[in-house]
Amino acid sequence: PEIIPDLKKLMNYYLPMTVKLLDAYEEMDQQPVQGENIQASKKEIENTLDTLNQAFEKLLDSVFQDTAWDVSSDISVLHTLLAQEGLTDDDFAKMKKN
């Protein structure tokens, strides 16, 4: 729930702005003459898209942060339970094998 405002901002502002930039890039790229203004604008869009990719990745990572913590906790508990039941090799048994 705490990321809902970020997701709304993504859907209502960042994503439409990204589409607008991509459309402008495509239009400029189709021009037969690539003057200084077109080249500079395309370069600026390319740099901005790199920034947007990083931001989208960070947002996506934050969406799965709680899931990652839950998985990590579950795995830790599972390892502990298996060890308590004698179903895994403990450090001492591993050392004896070597």
C-alpha atoms as a PDB file:
ATOM      1  CA  PRO A   1       0.000   0.000   0.000  1.00  0.00           C
ATOM      2  CA  GLU A   2       2.808   2.463   0.722  1.00  0.00           C
ATOM      3  CA  ILE A   3       3.982   2.377  -2.904  1.00  0.00           C
ATOM      4  CA  ILE A   4       0.549   3.084  -4.402  1.00  0.00           C
ATOM      5  CA  PRO A   5       1.256   6.838  -4.725  1.00  0.00           C
ATOM      6  CA  ASP A   6       4.495   6.045  -6.569  1.00  0.00           C
ATOM      7  CA  LEU A   7       2.688   3.638  -8.889  1.00  0.00           C
ATOM      8  CA  LYS A   8      -0.009   6.224  -9.595  1.00  0.00           C
ATOM      9  CA  LYS A   9       2.656   8.805 -10.407  1.00  0.00           C
ATOM     10  CA  LEU A  10       4.300   6.262 -12.701  1.00  0.00           C
ATOM     11  CA  MET A  11       1.079   5.500 -14.551  1.00  0.00           C
ATOM     12  CA  ASN A  12      -0.255   9.060 -14.688  1.00  0.00           C
ATOM     13  CA  TYR A  13       2.903  11.042 -15.369  1.00  0.00           C
ATOM     14  CA  TYR A  14       6.148   9.150 -15.960  1.00  0.00           C
ATOM     15  CA  LEU A  15       4.797   6.554 -18.363  1.00  0.00           C
ATOM     16  CA  PRO A  16       2.866   9.025 -20.567  1.00  0.00           C
ATOM     17  CA  MET A  17       5.873  11.373 -20.599  1.00  0.00           C
ATOM     18  CA  THR A  18       8.113   8.479 -21.616  1.00  0.00           C
ATOM     19  CA  VAL A  19       5.779   7.587 -24.478  1.00  0.00           C
ATOM     20  CA  LYS A  20       5.755  11.240 -25.565  1.00  0.00           C
ATOM     21  CA  LEU A  21       9.565  11.319 -25.600  1.00  0.00           C
ATOM     22  CA  LEU A  22       9.749   8.079 -27.568  1.00  0.00           C
ATOM     23  CA  ASP A  23       7.257   9.379 -30.113  1.00  0.00           C
ATOM     24  CA  ALA A  24       9.263  12.596 -30.519  1.00  0.00           C
ATOM     25  CA  TYR A  25      12.471  10.588 -30.906  1.00  0.00           C
ATOM     26  CA  GLU A  26      10.905   8.398 -33.577  1.00  0.00           C
ATOM     27  CA  GLU A  27       9.632  11.438 -35.473  1.00  0.00           C
ATOM     28  CA  MET A  28      13.040  13.134 -35.370  1.00  0.00           C
ATOM     29  CA  ASP A  29      14.817   9.918 -36.303  1.00  0.00           C
ATOM     30  CA  GLN A  30      12.730   9.635 -39.467  1.00  0.00           C
ATOM     31  CA  GLN A  31      13.821  13.049 -40.727  1.00  0.00           C
ATOM     32  CA  PRO A  32      16.035  12.768 -43.803  1.00  0.00           C
ATOM     33  CA  VAL A  33      18.311  15.563 -42.583  1.00  0.00           C
ATOM     34  CA  GLN A  34      19.682  15.182 -39.055  1.00  0.00           C
ATOM     35  CA  GLY A  35      20.605  18.759 -38.158  1.00  0.00           C
ATOM     36  CA  GLU A  36      22.236  19.941 -34.956  1.00  0.00           C
ATOM     37  CA  ASN A  37      18.927  20.529 -33.135  1.00  0.00           C
ATOM     38  CA  ILE A  38      17.602  17.087 -34.006  1.00  0.00           C
ATOM     39  CA  GLN A  39      20.837  15.380 -32.988  1.00  0.00           C
ATOM     40  CA  ALA A  40      20.988  17.291 -29.705  1.00  0.00           C
ATOM     41  CA  SER A  41      17.344  16.540 -28.906  1.00  0.00           C
ATOM     42  CA  LYS A  42      17.772  12.849 -29.691  1.00  0.00           C
ATOM     43  CA  LYS A  43      20.851  12.680 -27.466  1.00  0.00           C
ATOM     44  CA  GLU A  44      18.970  14.386 -24.642  1.00  0.00           C
ATOM     45  CA  ILE A  45      16.093  11.915 -25.005  1.00  0.00           C
ATOM     46  CA  GLU A  46      18.538   8.978 -24.973  1.00  0.00           C
ATOM     47  CA  ASN A  47      20.117  10.252 -21.744  1.00  0.00           C
ATOM     48  CA  THR A  48      16.702  10.828 -20.195  1.00  0.00           C
ATOM     49  CA  LEU A  49      15.627   7.299 -21.108  1.00  0.00           C
ATOM     50  CA  ASP A  50      18.670   5.946 -19.276  1.00  0.00           C
ATOM     51  CA  THR A  51      17.571   7.876 -16.189  1.00  0.00           C
ATOM     52  CA  LEU A  52      13.992   6.640 -16.572  1.00  0.00           C
ATOM     53  CA  ASN A  53      15.192   3.031 -16.841  1.00  0.00           C
ATOM     54  CA  GLN A  54      17.069   3.406 -13.570  1.00  0.00           C
ATOM     55  CA  ALA A  55      14.037   4.987 -11.891  1.00  0.00           C
ATOM     56  CA  PHE A  56      11.662   2.280 -13.151  1.00  0.00           C
ATOM     57  CA  GLU A  57      14.083  -0.410 -11.968  1.00  0.00           C
ATOM     58  CA  LYS A  58      14.282   1.203  -8.525  1.00  0.00           C
ATOM     59  CA  LEU A  59      10.488   1.405  -8.312  1.00  0.00           C
ATOM     60  CA  LEU A  60      10.082  -2.217  -9.385  1.00  0.00           C
ATOM     61  CA  ASP A  61      12.677  -3.289  -6.838  1.00  0.00           C
ATOM     62  CA  SER A  62      10.798  -1.464  -4.080  1.00  0.00           C
ATOM     63  CA  VAL A  63       7.592  -3.285  -5.077  1.00  0.00           C
ATOM     64  CA  PHE A  64       9.277  -6.637  -4.423  1.00  0.00           C
ATOM     65  CA  GLN A  65      11.273  -5.608  -1.360  1.00  0.00           C
ATOM     66  CA  ASP A  66       8.776  -7.019   1.155  1.00  0.00           C
ATOM     67  CA  THR A  67       8.452 -10.237  -0.848  1.00  0.00           C
ATOM     68  CA  ALA A  68      12.223 -10.640  -0.896  1.00  0.00           C
ATOM     69  CA  TRP A  69      12.389 -10.167   2.876  1.00  0.00           C
ATOM     70  CA  ASP A  70       9.596 -12.718   3.389  1.00  0.00           C
ATOM     71  CA  VAL A  71      11.336 -15.260   1.160  1.00  0.00           C
ATOM     72  CA  SER A  72      14.637 -14.734   2.939  1.00  0.00           C
ATOM     73  CA  SER A  73      12.985 -15.185   6.339  1.00  0.00           C
ATOM     74  CA  ASP A  74      11.155 -18.318   5.200  1.00  0.00           C
ATOM     75  CA  ILE A  75      14.379 -19.838   3.878  1.00  0.00           C
ATOM     76  CA  SER A  76      16.199 -19.066   7.107  1.00  0.00           C
ATOM     77  CA  VAL A  77      13.452 -20.690   9.190  1.00  0.00           C
ATOM     78  CA  LEU A  78      13.389 -23.711   6.875  1.00  0.00           C
ATOM     79  CA  HIS A  79      17.147 -24.210   7.208  1.00  0.00           C
ATOM     80  CA  THR A  80      16.879 -23.954  10.993  1.00  0.00           C
ATOM     81  CA  LEU A  81      14.015 -26.455  11.203  1.00  0.00           C
ATOM     82  CA  LEU A  82      15.740 -28.934   8.911  1.00  0.00           C
ATOM     83  CA  ALA A  83      18.914 -28.682  10.977  1.00  0.00           C
ATOM     84  CA  GLN A  84      16.981 -29.180  14.230  1.00  0.00           C
ATOM     85  CA  GLU A  85      15.404 -32.325  12.816  1.00  0.00           C
ATOM     86  CA  GLY A  86      18.819 -33.635  11.811  1.00  0.00           C
ATOM     87  CA  LEU A  87      17.925 -33.528   8.145  1.00  0.00           C
ATOM     88  CA  THR A  88      20.920 -31.450   7.130  1.00  0.00           C
ATOM     89  CA  ASP A  89      24.629 -31.689   7.788  1.00  0.00           C
ATOM     90  CA  ASP A  90      25.735 -29.398  10.549  1.00  0.00           C
ATOM     91  CA  ASP A  91      29.145 -27.741  10.505  1.00  0.00           C
ATOM     92  CA  PHE A  92      30.705 -30.481  12.685  1.00  0.00           C
ATOM     93  CA  ALA A  93      29.472 -33.258  10.393  1.00  0.00           C
ATOM     94  CA  LYS A  94      30.746 -31.376   7.350  1.00  0.00           C
ATOM     95  CA  MET A  95      34.175 -31.058   8.972  1.00  0.00           C
ATOM     96  CA  LYS A  96      34.266 -34.805   9.751  1.00  0.00           C
ATOM     97  CA  LYS A  97      33.572 -35.645   6.104  1.00  0.00           C
ATOM     98  CA  ASN A  98      36.552 -33.574   4.938  1.00  0.00           C
END
